[in-house]
Amino acid sequence: MLSIRQNLFKKVNSLQQIRNLNLLEFQSKDLLQKYNVAIQQFQILDSSTNDKTVLEKFDCPEYVVKAQILAGGRGKGVFDNGFKGGVHITTSKEEVLSLSKKMIGNRLITKQTPKSGITVKKVMVARSVNIVRETYLCILLDREHNGPVLIASPAGGVDIETVAEETPEKIKTVPLNIDQPIPEQTLMEIAKFLGFKEAAIKTCAAEIQKLYTLFKAVDAVQIEINPLAETDKGEVISVDAKLNFDDNAEFRQKDIFSMDISEEESDHREVEATKYNLNYVGMDGNIGCLVNGAGLAMATMDIIKLNGGDPANFLDVGGGVKEEQVLKAFQILTSDPKVKSILVNVFGGIVNCATIANGVVTASKVLNLNVPLVVRLEGTNVTEARKILKDSGLAIQTASDLDDAAQKAVNALQ
């Protein structure tokens, strides 16, 4: 039971916060480059006839070839064609082309992808740099400080949560003024804290200011640079960047949001659910769940497990759900071939139970539902809702409480 909560918590939390624009690595680097942030030079290959021409004009002593997908662990990943590694280093342009052909069009499987992997459509080829030191820098909106803060650490290139837990003295947090650039003195202090020396201090300070300018200009809620690296040539480079944006700013950041590739790489059911303001996470069980509220959804899955069943999903329809959203929710549930019964569990506070009941009846008729359906409703307008279900003439099992509902949903599988 606890494992369900642990596995779902991060995913559900991210769904509840409508900040889910996803950019590939090269797209993030391109944004940094537009604001004059120092990065590795790079080019993009897509297996087109232009690839060779692109490389002919891109001279580097050494190249880093990286498959572009929304997942970590690419270096240790394996392609469905047997080719190993989504990250390679080479000095040969010919090998760059050969490597890209082995990646593009094939599915890369890592610890963070679905079991079937994600199809690689583009490959980033970057200038390899010799890193002598790695630091960490992050700018994010913070509720506690009621505005942006800068988090810095000289211990970069590793998990920052581990650094904070084991060596908190290596973490520096600085509140920032959203209406002003970062003061020069503050920039210099941060650069020195990160361990930069002599001329590199001013270089680092300038890079941090550019990142803050970018942060405000693109309505970011987080820019994480890990590592912010110093090279053997004294350069200060943002080697890897993670950017998150506020969806409320989409109307004025249309160019950025048009780059979102989440629809290409996510579970199509999650993408479809998002379009209708539904929160959906697919699982491996066979009892479909439709619930209002994340807490109640978690509890519903727990009770199903306690009764010997296995939930097929997390699906929260939220507080302002309409009948058409209930229909879409049922379409998403029934699109999963593993679903053999459905449990609807709604507590009507803001939600009108009659709305849910009408939606359930409509969905059952429109979809010609052929799996057992158990409905437990409580709260606002529940008497009318129960009457709607009863008068529908459909084979809908009603339940007196959550435990009764879970038992019926599990027994329906038999």
Protein backbone atom coordinates (compact mmCIF):
# COMPACT_ATOMS: atom_id res chain seq x y z
CA MET A 1 0.00 0.00 0.00
CA LEU A 2 2.77 2.42 0.95
CA SER A 3 4.66 1.64 -2.23
CA ILE A 4 1.79 2.97 -4.35
CA ARG A 5 2.01 6.32 -2.60
CA GLN A 6 5.78 6.43 -2.92
CA ASN A 7 5.75 5.61 -6.63
CA LEU A 8 2.97 8.02 -7.47
CA PHE A 9 3.66 10.98 -5.22
CA LYS A 10 6.16 12.81 -7.43
CA LYS A 11 4.20 12.17 -10.64
CA VAL A 12 0.86 13.22 -9.13
CA ASN A 13 2.40 16.30 -7.54
CA SER A 14 3.79 17.39 -10.90
CA LEU A 15 0.39 16.91 -12.51
CA GLN A 16 -1.33 19.02 -9.85
CA GLN A 17 1.05 21.89 -10.57
CA ILE A 18 0.30 23.11 -14.07
CA ARG A 19 3.95 23.71 -14.93
CA ASN A 20 4.70 20.94 -17.33
CA LEU A 21 6.32 22.38 -20.45
CA ASN A 22 9.01 19.95 -21.61
CA LEU A 23 12.02 20.99 -23.67
CA LEU A 24 14.79 18.85 -25.04
CA GLU A 25 18.38 19.57 -24.05
CA PHE A 26 19.24 21.36 -27.28
CA GLN A 27 16.13 23.55 -27.00
CA SER A 28 17.16 24.67 -23.51
CA LYS A 29 20.68 25.39 -24.75
CA ASP A 30 19.26 27.37 -27.65
CA LEU A 31 17.35 29.59 -25.21
CA LEU A 32 20.47 30.14 -23.14
CA GLN A 33 22.42 31.01 -26.25
CA LYS A 34 19.84 33.63 -27.30
CA TYR A 35 20.49 35.44 -24.02
CA ASN A 36 24.27 35.24 -24.49
CA VAL A 37 24.80 32.64 -21.79
CA ALA A 38 28.02 30.75 -22.50
CA ILE A 39 27.38 27.18 -23.65
CA GLN A 40 29.13 24.55 -25.74
CA GLN A 41 28.74 25.17 -29.46
CA PHE A 42 26.36 22.63 -30.95
CA GLN A 43 24.52 21.53 -34.07
CA ILE A 44 21.45 19.35 -34.61
CA LEU A 45 21.26 16.30 -36.86
CA ASP A 46 17.94 14.75 -37.89
CA SER A 47 19.01 12.13 -40.44
CA SER A 48 18.17 14.46 -43.31
CA THR A 49 20.29 15.16 -46.37
CA ASN A 50 21.55 18.32 -44.65
CA ASP A 51 23.39 16.45 -41.88
CA LYS A 52 26.65 16.12 -43.79
CA THR A 53 26.61 19.80 -44.78
CA VAL A 54 25.94 20.83 -41.18
CA LEU A 55 28.94 18.84 -39.97
CA GLU A 56 31.26 20.11 -42.70
CA LYS A 57 30.85 23.61 -41.30
CA PHE A 58 31.24 22.50 -37.66
CA ASP A 59 34.92 21.98 -36.84
CA CYS A 60 35.83 20.77 -33.36
CA PRO A 61 38.81 18.84 -31.93
CA GLU A 62 36.33 16.48 -30.29
CA TYR A 63 32.57 15.97 -30.51
CA VAL A 64 29.93 14.87 -28.00
CA VAL A 65 27.05 13.07 -29.71
CA LYS A 66 23.87 12.98 -27.63
CA ALA A 67 20.46 11.45 -28.41
CA GLN A 68 17.67 13.94 -27.69
CA ILE A 69 14.82 12.52 -25.60
CA LEU A 70 13.06 13.60 -22.42
CA ALA A 71 14.82 11.17 -20.09
CA GLY A 72 17.96 10.88 -18.03
CA GLY A 73 20.45 8.03 -18.09
CA ARG A 74 20.97 8.29 -21.82
CA GLY A 75 24.65 7.44 -21.65
CA LYS A 76 23.90 4.02 -20.18
CA GLY A 77 20.82 3.43 -22.30
CA VAL A 78 20.32 0.79 -24.98
CA PHE A 79 18.53 1.17 -28.31
CA ASP A 80 15.93 -1.28 -29.54
CA ASN A 81 18.28 -2.12 -32.44
CA GLY A 82 20.92 -3.31 -29.97
CA PHE A 83 23.15 -0.23 -30.19
CA LYS A 84 24.44 0.77 -26.76
CA GLY A 85 24.67 4.28 -25.37
CA GLY A 86 22.83 7.49 -26.16
CA VAL A 87 25.93 9.59 -25.52
CA HIS A 88 29.25 9.12 -27.37
CA ILE A 89 32.50 11.05 -27.80
CA THR A 90 34.52 11.04 -31.02
CA THR A 91 37.03 13.11 -32.98
CA SER A 92 35.75 11.93 -36.38
CA LYS A 93 33.01 13.67 -38.36
CA GLU A 94 32.38 10.43 -40.24
CA GLU A 95 31.80 8.62 -36.95
CA VAL A 96 29.46 11.39 -35.81
CA LEU A 97 27.29 10.66 -38.86
CA SER A 98 27.52 6.92 -38.28
CA LEU A 99 26.55 7.28 -34.62
CA SER A 100 23.61 9.55 -35.42
CA LYS A 101 22.25 7.06 -37.96
CA LYS A 102 22.31 4.32 -35.33
CA MET A 103 20.32 6.53 -32.96
CA ILE A 104 17.78 8.43 -35.06
CA GLY A 105 14.59 6.52 -35.77
CA ASN A 106 15.28 3.97 -33.05
CA ARG A 107 13.92 3.76 -29.52
CA LEU A 108 16.29 4.51 -26.65
CA ILE A 109 15.59 2.64 -23.43
CA THR A 110 16.87 4.03 -20.12
CA LYS A 111 15.89 3.76 -16.46
CA GLN A 112 13.64 6.78 -16.93
CA THR A 113 11.82 5.78 -20.13
CA PRO A 114 8.88 3.40 -20.60
CA LYS A 115 9.94 -0.20 -21.11
CA SER A 116 9.56 0.22 -24.87
CA GLY A 117 11.80 3.30 -24.85
CA ILE A 118 11.39 6.63 -26.64
CA THR A 119 12.03 7.22 -30.33
CA VAL A 120 15.03 9.45 -31.04
CA LYS A 121 14.22 12.03 -33.72
CA LYS A 122 17.17 14.36 -33.28
CA VAL A 123 20.78 14.14 -32.19
CA MET A 124 22.77 17.01 -30.69
CA VAL A 125 26.44 17.25 -31.66
CA ALA A 126 28.35 19.55 -29.31
CA ARG A 127 31.91 20.73 -28.93
CA SER A 128 33.59 18.66 -26.24
CA VAL A 129 35.16 20.70 -23.44
CA ASN A 130 37.72 19.74 -20.80
CA ILE A 131 36.06 20.47 -17.48
CA VAL A 132 38.37 21.11 -14.55
CA ARG A 133 35.67 22.00 -12.00
CA GLU A 134 31.90 21.62 -11.68
CA THR A 135 29.60 23.85 -9.65
CA TYR A 136 25.83 24.10 -9.20
CA LEU A 137 23.55 27.08 -9.77
CA CYS A 138 19.77 27.36 -9.65
CA ILE A 139 17.33 30.27 -9.80
CA LEU A 140 13.76 29.49 -8.84
CA LEU A 141 10.55 30.98 -7.50
CA ASP A 142 10.27 30.15 -3.81
CA ARG A 143 7.10 30.39 -1.72
CA GLU A 144 9.02 30.79 1.53
CA HIS A 145 10.82 33.89 0.24
CA ASN A 146 7.80 35.07 -1.75
CA GLY A 147 9.90 35.54 -4.86
CA PRO A 148 12.99 34.33 -6.73
CA VAL A 149 15.99 32.89 -4.91
CA LEU A 150 19.41 31.81 -6.13
CA ILE A 151 20.86 28.54 -4.84
CA ALA A 152 24.56 27.94 -5.36
CA SER A 153 26.99 25.18 -4.46
CA PRO A 154 30.64 24.48 -5.29
CA ALA A 155 29.68 20.79 -5.38
CA GLY A 156 28.24 20.53 -8.88
CA GLY A 157 27.72 17.62 -11.22
CA VAL A 158 26.03 15.54 -8.50
CA ASP A 159 22.59 15.28 -6.94
CA ILE A 160 22.06 18.60 -5.14
CA GLU A 161 19.65 17.00 -2.63
CA THR A 162 22.47 14.75 -1.47
CA VAL A 163 24.78 17.74 -1.11
CA ALA A 164 22.17 19.61 0.96
CA GLU A 165 21.69 16.61 3.24
CA GLU A 166 25.31 15.58 3.74
CA THR A 167 27.18 18.91 3.46
CA PRO A 168 24.69 21.76 3.99
CA GLU A 169 27.56 24.22 4.43
CA LYS A 170 28.16 23.85 0.68
CA ILE A 171 24.75 25.35 -0.12
CA LYS A 172 24.19 29.10 -0.34
CA THR A 173 20.71 30.60 -0.75
CA VAL A 174 20.29 34.22 -1.80
CA PRO A 175 16.89 35.96 -2.13
CA LEU A 176 16.64 38.10 -5.29
CA ASN A 177 14.68 41.22 -6.20
CA ILE A 178 12.39 40.43 -9.13
CA ASP A 179 12.42 44.07 -10.25
CA GLN A 180 16.18 44.61 -10.21
CA PRO A 181 19.33 42.98 -11.60
CA ILE A 182 21.46 41.11 -9.08
CA PRO A 183 23.81 43.62 -7.35
CA GLU A 184 27.44 43.38 -8.45
CA GLN A 185 28.63 42.73 -4.90
CA THR A 186 26.22 39.81 -4.55
CA LEU A 187 27.36 38.36 -7.87
CA MET A 188 31.01 38.51 -6.80
CA GLU A 189 30.23 36.88 -3.46
CA ILE A 190 28.41 34.02 -5.18
CA ALA A 191 31.22 33.51 -7.68
CA LYS A 192 33.78 33.34 -4.86
CA PHE A 193 31.58 30.95 -2.89
CA LEU A 194 31.47 28.70 -5.95
CA GLY A 195 35.26 28.61 -5.87
CA PHE A 196 36.13 30.69 -8.91
CA LYS A 197 39.46 32.52 -8.78
CA GLU A 198 40.96 35.66 -10.30
CA ALA A 199 39.54 36.53 -13.75
CA ALA A 200 37.04 33.67 -13.59
CA ILE A 201 35.23 35.45 -10.74
CA LYS A 202 34.07 38.26 -13.02
CA THR A 203 33.31 35.81 -15.81
CA CYS A 204 31.13 33.73 -13.49
CA ALA A 205 29.40 36.85 -12.13
CA ALA A 206 28.51 37.94 -15.66
CA GLU A 207 27.10 34.50 -16.49
CA ILE A 208 24.89 34.50 -13.39
CA GLN A 209 23.48 37.91 -14.31
CA LYS A 210 22.68 36.67 -17.84
CA LEU A 211 20.89 33.66 -16.39
CA TYR A 212 18.78 35.91 -14.15
CA THR A 213 17.92 38.11 -17.12
CA LEU A 214 16.79 34.99 -18.99
CA PHE A 215 14.84 33.76 -15.95
CA LYS A 216 12.72 36.90 -15.86
CA ALA A 217 12.40 37.36 -19.61
CA VAL A 218 10.93 33.91 -20.30
CA ASP A 219 8.67 33.67 -17.22
CA ALA A 220 10.67 30.76 -15.84
CA VAL A 221 9.88 29.24 -12.45
CA GLN A 222 13.23 27.46 -12.39
CA ILE A 223 16.54 27.49 -14.22
CA GLU A 224 18.91 24.81 -12.96
CA ILE A 225 22.49 24.66 -14.25
CA ASN A 226 24.26 21.47 -13.24
CA PRO A 227 27.06 21.75 -13.86
CA LEU A 228 28.09 25.35 -14.23
CA ALA A 229 31.59 24.34 -15.24
CA GLU A 230 35.05 25.87 -15.47
CA THR A 231 37.13 24.59 -18.38
CA ASP A 232 40.89 24.22 -18.77
CA LYS A 233 40.78 27.40 -20.88
CA GLY A 234 39.22 29.45 -18.09
CA GLU A 235 35.74 29.46 -19.63
CA VAL A 236 32.62 29.38 -17.43
CA ILE A 237 30.04 27.31 -19.28
CA SER A 238 26.48 26.14 -18.58
CA VAL A 239 27.00 22.52 -19.59
CA ASP A 240 23.56 21.17 -18.73
CA ALA A 241 20.39 23.18 -18.15
CA LYS A 242 16.90 22.39 -16.92
CA LEU A 243 14.23 25.04 -17.45
CA ASN A 244 10.68 25.08 -16.10
CA PHE A 245 8.08 27.67 -17.08
CA ASP A 246 4.86 29.02 -15.63
CA ASP A 247 1.96 27.85 -17.80
CA ASN A 248 0.07 31.01 -16.87
CA ALA A 249 2.54 32.92 -19.05
CA GLU A 250 1.87 30.86 -22.17
CA PHE A 251 -0.03 33.75 -23.77
CA ARG A 252 3.16 35.85 -23.88
CA GLN A 253 5.69 33.04 -24.37
CA LYS A 254 4.07 31.43 -27.40
CA ASP A 255 7.37 30.75 -29.18
CA ILE A 256 8.70 28.85 -26.20
CA PHE A 257 5.53 26.86 -25.57
CA SER A 258 5.32 25.93 -29.23
CA MET A 259 8.51 23.92 -28.70
CA ASP A 260 6.83 21.62 -26.16
CA ILE A 261 7.36 17.98 -27.17
CA SER A 262 5.55 16.30 -24.27
CA GLU A 263 2.81 15.07 -26.61
CA GLU A 264 5.40 13.18 -28.63
CA GLU A 265 6.98 11.42 -25.68
CA SER A 266 4.34 11.07 -22.97
CA ASP A 267 1.69 8.41 -22.45
CA HIS A 268 -1.02 9.49 -24.91
CA ARG A 269 -3.63 9.04 -22.18
CA GLU A 270 -1.85 11.52 -19.93
CA VAL A 271 -1.64 14.02 -22.78
CA GLU A 272 -5.32 13.61 -23.61
CA ALA A 273 -6.28 13.95 -19.94
CA THR A 274 -4.35 17.19 -19.62
CA LYS A 275 -6.33 18.71 -22.50
CA TYR A 276 -9.50 18.23 -20.44
CA ASN A 277 -8.02 19.34 -17.09
CA LEU A 278 -7.92 15.79 -15.81
CA ASN A 279 -4.97 14.32 -13.90
CA TYR A 280 -4.15 10.81 -15.10
CA VAL A 281 -1.29 8.41 -14.38
CA GLY A 282 -1.37 4.93 -15.89
CA MET A 283 -0.48 1.91 -13.75
CA ASP A 284 -0.29 -1.85 -14.19
CA GLY A 285 -3.53 -3.05 -12.54
CA ASN A 286 -6.95 -3.90 -13.95
CA ILE A 287 -9.40 -1.77 -11.91
CA GLY A 288 -9.95 1.63 -13.47
CA CYS A 289 -10.43 4.46 -10.96
CA LEU A 290 -12.28 7.75 -11.38
CA VAL A 291 -12.08 9.94 -8.28
CA ASN A 292 -12.24 13.63 -7.32
CA GLY A 293 -9.28 14.87 -5.32
CA ALA A 294 -5.73 13.53 -5.15
CA GLY A 295 -6.02 12.46 -1.50
CA LEU A 296 -9.23 10.52 -2.10
CA ALA A 297 -7.72 8.98 -5.22
CA MET A 298 -4.74 7.74 -3.19
CA ALA A 299 -7.05 6.36 -0.50
CA THR A 300 -9.17 4.63 -3.15
CA MET A 301 -6.14 2.86 -4.58
CA ASP A 302 -5.04 1.85 -1.08
CA ILE A 303 -8.44 0.30 -0.31
CA ILE A 304 -8.46 -1.54 -3.62
CA LYS A 305 -5.09 -3.06 -2.74
CA LEU A 306 -6.28 -3.99 0.76
CA ASN A 307 -9.18 -5.86 -0.81
CA GLY A 308 -6.90 -7.87 -3.06
CA GLY A 309 -7.29 -5.76 -6.21
CA ASP A 310 -4.84 -3.76 -8.29
CA PRO A 311 -5.59 -0.21 -9.54
CA ALA A 312 -5.03 0.45 -13.23
CA ASN A 313 -4.57 4.19 -12.84
CA PHE A 314 -4.73 7.38 -10.87
CA LEU A 315 -7.44 9.65 -12.31
CA ASP A 316 -8.48 12.82 -10.50
CA VAL A 317 -11.30 14.74 -12.18
CA GLY A 318 -10.91 17.72 -9.83
CA GLY A 319 -13.49 19.94 -8.16
CA GLY A 320 -15.05 21.76 -11.10
CA VAL A 321 -15.73 18.72 -13.25
CA LYS A 322 -18.37 18.86 -16.01
CA GLU A 323 -20.33 16.04 -17.66
CA GLU A 324 -18.18 16.15 -20.81
CA GLN A 325 -15.08 15.68 -18.66
CA VAL A 326 -16.60 12.59 -17.10
CA LEU A 327 -17.19 11.20 -20.59
CA LYS A 328 -13.58 11.91 -21.56
CA ALA A 329 -12.41 10.28 -18.33
CA PHE A 330 -14.32 7.11 -19.22
CA GLN A 331 -12.88 7.17 -22.74
CA ILE A 332 -9.39 7.32 -21.27
CA LEU A 333 -10.11 4.54 -18.76
CA THR A 334 -11.58 2.20 -21.36
CA SER A 335 -8.72 2.85 -23.80
CA ASP A 336 -6.58 0.75 -21.46
CA PRO A 337 -7.09 -2.90 -22.47
CA LYS A 338 -6.05 -4.03 -18.98
CA VAL A 339 -9.10 -2.42 -17.35
CA LYS A 340 -11.63 -5.14 -16.46
CA SER A 341 -13.78 -3.16 -14.00
CA ILE A 342 -14.24 0.51 -13.10
CA LEU A 343 -14.70 2.13 -9.72
CA VAL A 344 -16.09 5.67 -9.45
CA ASN A 345 -15.57 7.21 -6.01
CA VAL A 346 -16.73 10.80 -5.58
CA PHE A 347 -17.27 12.91 -2.48
CA GLY A 348 -19.33 15.90 -3.50
CA GLY A 349 -18.19 19.06 -1.80
CA ILE A 350 -17.61 21.46 -4.64
CA VAL A 351 -18.56 18.69 -7.04
CA ASN A 352 -22.26 18.13 -7.64
CA CYS A 353 -22.92 14.38 -7.40
CA ALA A 354 -25.75 14.73 -9.93
CA THR A 355 -23.22 16.02 -12.48
CA ILE A 356 -21.10 12.94 -11.92
CA ALA A 357 -24.13 10.64 -12.15
CA ASN A 358 -25.31 12.19 -15.42
CA GLY A 359 -21.79 11.95 -16.79
CA VAL A 360 -21.50 8.30 -15.79
CA VAL A 361 -24.84 7.42 -17.41
CA THR A 362 -24.00 9.30 -20.60
CA ALA A 363 -20.54 7.74 -20.83
CA SER A 364 -21.92 4.23 -20.26
CA LYS A 365 -24.40 4.68 -23.11
CA VAL A 366 -22.09 6.47 -25.54
CA LEU A 367 -19.27 3.98 -25.05
CA ASN A 368 -21.57 0.97 -24.77
CA LEU A 369 -19.63 0.11 -21.63
CA ASN A 370 -19.02 -3.62 -21.33
CA VAL A 371 -17.01 -3.84 -18.11
CA PRO A 372 -18.50 -3.94 -14.58
CA LEU A 373 -19.05 -0.46 -13.11
CA VAL A 374 -19.22 0.33 -9.39
CA VAL A 375 -20.19 3.82 -8.22
CA ARG A 376 -19.92 5.28 -4.74
CA LEU A 377 -21.22 8.83 -4.31
CA GLU A 378 -21.53 10.99 -1.18
CA GLY A 379 -22.12 14.67 -0.56
CA THR A 380 -23.79 17.44 -2.52
CA ASN A 381 -27.04 16.38 -4.25
CA VAL A 382 -26.32 12.70 -3.61
CA THR A 383 -30.02 11.72 -3.36
CA GLU A 384 -30.77 13.01 -6.86
CA ALA A 385 -27.57 11.43 -8.13
CA ARG A 386 -28.52 7.99 -6.83
CA LYS A 387 -31.92 8.34 -8.44
CA ILE A 388 -30.31 9.18 -11.79
CA LEU A 389 -28.21 6.01 -11.61
CA LYS A 390 -31.18 3.88 -10.55
CA ASP A 391 -33.51 5.23 -13.25
CA SER A 392 -30.89 4.80 -16.00
CA GLY A 393 -31.71 1.12 -16.42
CA LEU A 394 -27.98 0.37 -16.68
CA ALA A 395 -26.14 -2.37 -14.84
CA ILE A 396 -24.42 0.02 -12.44
CA GLN A 397 -23.57 -1.31 -8.98
CA THR A 398 -23.84 1.31 -6.24
CA ALA A 399 -21.89 1.14 -2.99
CA SER A 400 -22.64 2.37 0.52
CA ASP A 401 -19.05 3.30 1.40
CA LEU A 402 -15.52 3.10 0.03
CA ASP A 403 -14.76 -0.34 1.45
CA ASP A 404 -17.99 -1.72 -0.02
CA ALA A 405 -17.14 -0.12 -3.37
CA ALA A 406 -13.64 -1.61 -3.42
CA GLN A 407 -14.95 -5.08 -2.55
CA LYS A 408 -17.54 -4.92 -5.34
CA ALA A 409 -14.97 -3.70 -7.88
CA VAL A 410 -12.62 -6.56 -6.96
CA ASN A 411 -15.38 -9.17 -6.91
CA ALA A 412 -16.61 -7.97 -10.30
CA LEU A 413 -13.35 -9.27 -11.80
CA GLN A 414 -14.45 -12.79 -10.97
